[in-house]
Amino acid sequence: MKIHESTLTRIFTEDIQGTRFLVDQFFEGYTLFHATGLWKGKPEQSLCIEIADADQTLILALVRVIKEKNRQESVLVQTLPIQAIFL
């Protein structure tokens, strides 16, 4: 068993139709979580996109496209250090 030091990037955005296809243009593998979020006190359908070991230049390019397409004031991006084990 080998532990792999890595990063996990999370992108939080509105869940607008077609967002998944935008991500497909930048990354071959990722995980999506659908949720209800709150922005300025108002509930909205949210999407969390998780990508491991992502090139941060590609992440920023994707976030710019998502922000423009979804007409959002902001998109939250988190990058976390992680340890991954592939079994």
N, C-alpha and C. Protein backbone atom coordinates (compact mmCIF):
# COMPACT_ATOMS: atom_id res chain seq x y z
N MET A 1 0.86 -1.18 0.00
CA MET A 1 0.00 0.00 0.00
C MET A 1 0.90 1.24 0.00
N LYS A 2 0.65 2.13 -0.94
CA LYS A 2 1.44 3.34 -1.06
C LYS A 2 0.56 4.56 -0.85
N ILE A 3 1.02 5.46 0.02
CA ILE A 3 0.30 6.71 0.27
C ILE A 3 0.82 7.76 -0.69
N HIS A 4 -0.11 8.41 -1.37
CA HIS A 4 0.22 9.42 -2.38
C HIS A 4 -0.15 10.79 -1.82
N GLU A 5 0.84 11.67 -1.67
CA GLU A 5 0.58 13.05 -1.26
C GLU A 5 0.00 13.79 -2.46
N SER A 6 -1.08 14.51 -2.24
CA SER A 6 -1.79 15.08 -3.37
C SER A 6 -2.55 16.33 -2.93
N THR A 7 -3.32 16.88 -3.86
CA THR A 7 -4.24 17.97 -3.54
C THR A 7 -5.63 17.60 -4.05
N LEU A 8 -6.61 18.14 -3.39
CA LEU A 8 -8.00 17.98 -3.81
C LEU A 8 -8.56 19.39 -3.99
N THR A 9 -9.05 19.66 -5.19
CA THR A 9 -9.65 20.97 -5.46
C THR A 9 -11.16 20.80 -5.50
N ARG A 10 -11.85 21.69 -4.80
CA ARG A 10 -13.31 21.72 -4.81
C ARG A 10 -13.77 23.04 -5.41
N ILE A 11 -14.71 22.93 -6.31
CA ILE A 11 -15.31 24.11 -6.93
C ILE A 11 -16.79 24.10 -6.56
N PHE A 12 -17.25 25.17 -5.94
CA PHE A 12 -18.66 25.31 -5.55
C PHE A 12 -19.31 26.33 -6.46
N THR A 13 -20.38 25.90 -7.14
CA THR A 13 -21.06 26.76 -8.10
C THR A 13 -22.55 26.46 -8.10
N GLU A 14 -23.31 27.25 -8.83
CA GLU A 14 -24.72 26.94 -9.00
C GLU A 14 -24.87 25.74 -9.92
N ASP A 15 -25.88 24.93 -9.67
CA ASP A 15 -26.13 23.74 -10.48
C ASP A 15 -27.01 24.13 -11.66
N ILE A 16 -26.36 24.64 -12.69
CA ILE A 16 -27.07 25.07 -13.89
C ILE A 16 -26.83 24.04 -14.98
N GLN A 17 -27.87 23.73 -15.74
CA GLN A 17 -27.77 22.72 -16.79
C GLN A 17 -26.58 23.01 -17.70
N GLY A 18 -25.79 21.99 -17.95
CA GLY A 18 -24.65 22.12 -18.85
C GLY A 18 -23.32 22.30 -18.15
N THR A 19 -23.34 22.55 -16.85
CA THR A 19 -22.07 22.77 -16.13
C THR A 19 -21.18 21.54 -16.23
N ARG A 20 -21.76 20.36 -16.11
CA ARG A 20 -20.97 19.13 -16.19
C ARG A 20 -20.22 19.04 -17.52
N PHE A 21 -20.85 19.45 -18.59
CA PHE A 21 -20.22 19.38 -19.90
C PHE A 21 -19.06 20.37 -20.02
N LEU A 22 -19.13 21.47 -19.29
CA LEU A 22 -18.00 22.40 -19.24
C LEU A 22 -16.80 21.73 -18.57
N VAL A 23 -17.06 21.03 -17.48
CA VAL A 23 -15.98 20.34 -16.76
C VAL A 23 -15.36 19.27 -17.65
N ASP A 24 -16.19 18.57 -18.41
CA ASP A 24 -15.70 17.53 -19.33
C ASP A 24 -14.66 18.07 -20.31
N GLN A 25 -14.76 19.34 -20.66
CA GLN A 25 -13.83 19.93 -21.62
C GLN A 25 -12.43 20.13 -21.03
N PHE A 26 -12.34 20.14 -19.68
CA PHE A 26 -11.07 20.40 -19.02
C PHE A 26 -10.47 19.16 -18.33
N PHE A 27 -11.33 18.26 -17.82
CA PHE A 27 -10.85 17.13 -17.02
C PHE A 27 -11.56 15.84 -17.41
N GLU A 28 -10.80 14.74 -17.38
CA GLU A 28 -11.35 13.42 -17.70
C GLU A 28 -11.99 12.75 -16.49
N GLY A 29 -11.56 13.10 -15.30
CA GLY A 29 -12.09 12.47 -14.10
C GLY A 29 -12.34 13.48 -12.99
N TYR A 30 -13.49 13.36 -12.36
CA TYR A 30 -13.87 14.25 -11.27
C TYR A 30 -15.11 13.67 -10.60
N THR A 31 -15.50 14.27 -9.48
CA THR A 31 -16.70 13.85 -8.75
C THR A 31 -17.61 15.05 -8.60
N LEU A 32 -18.91 14.82 -8.76
CA LEU A 32 -19.92 15.88 -8.59
C LEU A 32 -20.82 15.56 -7.41
N PHE A 33 -21.11 16.57 -6.61
CA PHE A 33 -22.09 16.46 -5.53
C PHE A 33 -23.15 17.53 -5.76
N HIS A 34 -24.41 17.12 -5.73
CA HIS A 34 -25.52 18.06 -5.84
C HIS A 34 -26.00 18.39 -4.43
N ALA A 35 -26.28 19.66 -4.18
CA ALA A 35 -26.67 20.08 -2.84
C ALA A 35 -27.54 21.33 -2.93
N THR A 36 -28.06 21.73 -1.79
CA THR A 36 -28.72 23.02 -1.67
C THR A 36 -27.78 23.93 -0.91
N GLY A 37 -27.43 25.05 -1.50
CA GLY A 37 -26.55 26.01 -0.84
C GLY A 37 -27.31 27.29 -0.56
N LEU A 38 -26.68 28.16 0.17
CA LEU A 38 -27.27 29.47 0.46
C LEU A 38 -26.28 30.53 0.06
N TRP A 39 -26.76 31.54 -0.64
CA TRP A 39 -25.93 32.68 -1.01
C TRP A 39 -26.72 33.92 -0.68
N LYS A 40 -26.15 34.73 0.21
CA LYS A 40 -26.80 35.96 0.67
C LYS A 40 -28.19 35.68 1.21
N GLY A 41 -28.31 34.57 1.93
CA GLY A 41 -29.57 34.22 2.58
C GLY A 41 -30.60 33.54 1.71
N LYS A 42 -30.29 33.35 0.43
CA LYS A 42 -31.25 32.73 -0.48
C LYS A 42 -30.77 31.34 -0.89
N PRO A 43 -31.66 30.33 -0.79
CA PRO A 43 -31.27 28.98 -1.21
C PRO A 43 -31.13 28.88 -2.73
N GLU A 44 -30.17 28.03 -3.15
CA GLU A 44 -29.99 27.77 -4.58
C GLU A 44 -29.50 26.35 -4.75
N GLN A 45 -29.77 25.79 -5.89
CA GLN A 45 -29.26 24.47 -6.21
C GLN A 45 -27.77 24.61 -6.49
N SER A 46 -26.97 23.85 -5.75
CA SER A 46 -25.52 23.98 -5.84
C SER A 46 -24.88 22.72 -6.38
N LEU A 47 -23.66 22.89 -6.85
CA LEU A 47 -22.88 21.79 -7.38
C LEU A 47 -21.48 21.92 -6.81
N CYS A 48 -20.95 20.82 -6.26
CA CYS A 48 -19.57 20.76 -5.80
C CYS A 48 -18.83 19.83 -6.75
N ILE A 49 -17.78 20.34 -7.34
CA ILE A 49 -16.96 19.57 -8.27
C ILE A 49 -15.63 19.29 -7.56
N GLU A 50 -15.28 18.02 -7.39
CA GLU A 50 -14.01 17.66 -6.76
C GLU A 50 -13.07 17.05 -7.80
N ILE A 51 -11.84 17.56 -7.81
CA ILE A 51 -10.85 17.07 -8.76
C ILE A 51 -9.53 16.86 -8.01
N ALA A 52 -8.98 15.67 -8.10
CA ALA A 52 -7.71 15.36 -7.44
C ALA A 52 -6.56 15.64 -8.39
N ASP A 53 -5.44 16.11 -7.82
CA ASP A 53 -4.20 16.34 -8.59
C ASP A 53 -4.40 17.22 -9.82
N ALA A 54 -5.21 18.24 -9.70
CA ALA A 54 -5.52 19.07 -10.86
C ALA A 54 -4.48 20.16 -11.08
N ASP A 55 -4.19 20.42 -12.33
CA ASP A 55 -3.35 21.54 -12.71
C ASP A 55 -4.12 22.82 -12.36
N GLN A 56 -3.55 23.67 -11.52
CA GLN A 56 -4.27 24.86 -11.05
C GLN A 56 -4.54 25.87 -12.17
N THR A 57 -3.73 25.86 -13.21
CA THR A 57 -3.99 26.73 -14.35
C THR A 57 -5.29 26.30 -15.05
N LEU A 58 -5.47 24.98 -15.19
CA LEU A 58 -6.71 24.47 -15.78
C LEU A 58 -7.91 24.74 -14.87
N ILE A 59 -7.71 24.60 -13.56
CA ILE A 59 -8.79 24.89 -12.61
C ILE A 59 -9.26 26.34 -12.78
N LEU A 60 -8.32 27.27 -12.79
CA LEU A 60 -8.70 28.69 -12.92
C LEU A 60 -9.38 28.97 -14.25
N ALA A 61 -8.92 28.33 -15.32
CA ALA A 61 -9.58 28.51 -16.62
C ALA A 61 -11.01 27.98 -16.58
N LEU A 62 -11.19 26.80 -15.98
CA LEU A 62 -12.53 26.22 -15.84
C LEU A 62 -13.44 27.13 -15.01
N VAL A 63 -12.93 27.62 -13.89
CA VAL A 63 -13.74 28.46 -13.01
C VAL A 63 -14.17 29.75 -13.72
N ARG A 64 -13.29 30.32 -14.50
CA ARG A 64 -13.66 31.53 -15.27
C ARG A 64 -14.81 31.23 -16.25
N VAL A 65 -14.74 30.08 -16.91
CA VAL A 65 -15.79 29.70 -17.86
C VAL A 65 -17.10 29.46 -17.11
N ILE A 66 -17.04 28.73 -15.99
CA ILE A 66 -18.25 28.45 -15.20
C ILE A 66 -18.87 29.76 -14.71
N LYS A 67 -18.04 30.64 -14.17
CA LYS A 67 -18.54 31.91 -13.64
C LYS A 67 -19.25 32.72 -14.72
N GLU A 68 -18.65 32.78 -15.90
CA GLU A 68 -19.26 33.53 -17.01
C GLU A 68 -20.55 32.87 -17.49
N LYS A 69 -20.50 31.55 -17.71
CA LYS A 69 -21.68 30.83 -18.22
C LYS A 69 -22.85 30.91 -17.24
N ASN A 70 -22.55 30.75 -15.95
CA ASN A 70 -23.59 30.75 -14.92
C ASN A 70 -23.97 32.17 -14.47
N ARG A 71 -23.26 33.16 -14.99
CA ARG A 71 -23.51 34.56 -14.63
C ARG A 71 -23.48 34.75 -13.11
N GLN A 72 -22.41 34.25 -12.51
CA GLN A 72 -22.28 34.31 -11.06
C GLN A 72 -21.38 35.44 -10.63
N GLU A 73 -21.69 35.99 -9.47
CA GLU A 73 -20.86 37.03 -8.87
C GLU A 73 -19.52 36.44 -8.45
N SER A 74 -19.55 35.20 -7.94
CA SER A 74 -18.31 34.54 -7.53
C SER A 74 -18.51 33.03 -7.54
N VAL A 75 -17.40 32.32 -7.62
CA VAL A 75 -17.36 30.87 -7.55
C VAL A 75 -16.30 30.52 -6.52
N LEU A 76 -16.65 29.70 -5.54
CA LEU A 76 -15.70 29.34 -4.47
C LEU A 76 -14.81 28.19 -4.93
N VAL A 77 -13.50 28.35 -4.74
CA VAL A 77 -12.53 27.31 -5.06
C VAL A 77 -11.71 27.03 -3.80
N GLN A 78 -11.64 25.77 -3.41
CA GLN A 78 -10.82 25.33 -2.28
C GLN A 78 -9.79 24.33 -2.79
N THR A 79 -8.55 24.47 -2.35
CA THR A 79 -7.53 23.48 -2.66
C THR A 79 -6.98 22.97 -1.34
N LEU A 80 -7.10 21.67 -1.14
CA LEU A 80 -6.75 21.04 0.14
C LEU A 80 -5.64 20.01 -0.05
N PRO A 81 -4.67 19.98 0.87
CA PRO A 81 -3.69 18.89 0.82
C PRO A 81 -4.33 17.60 1.31
N ILE A 82 -4.09 16.50 0.61
CA ILE A 82 -4.65 15.22 1.01
C ILE A 82 -3.61 14.11 0.88
N GLN A 83 -3.92 13.00 1.49
CA GLN A 83 -3.18 11.77 1.28
C GLN A 83 -4.14 10.79 0.64
N ALA A 84 -3.74 10.22 -0.48
CA ALA A 84 -4.61 9.28 -1.20
C ALA A 84 -3.98 7.89 -1.19
N ILE A 85 -4.81 6.90 -1.04
CA ILE A 85 -4.37 5.51 -1.10
C ILE A 85 -5.22 4.81 -2.14
N PHE A 86 -4.58 4.21 -3.12
CA PHE A 86 -5.28 3.45 -4.14
C PHE A 86 -5.16 1.97 -3.80
N LEU A 87 -6.30 1.32 -3.57
CA LEU A 87 -6.30 -0.09 -3.21
C LEU A 87 -6.82 -0.93 -4.37
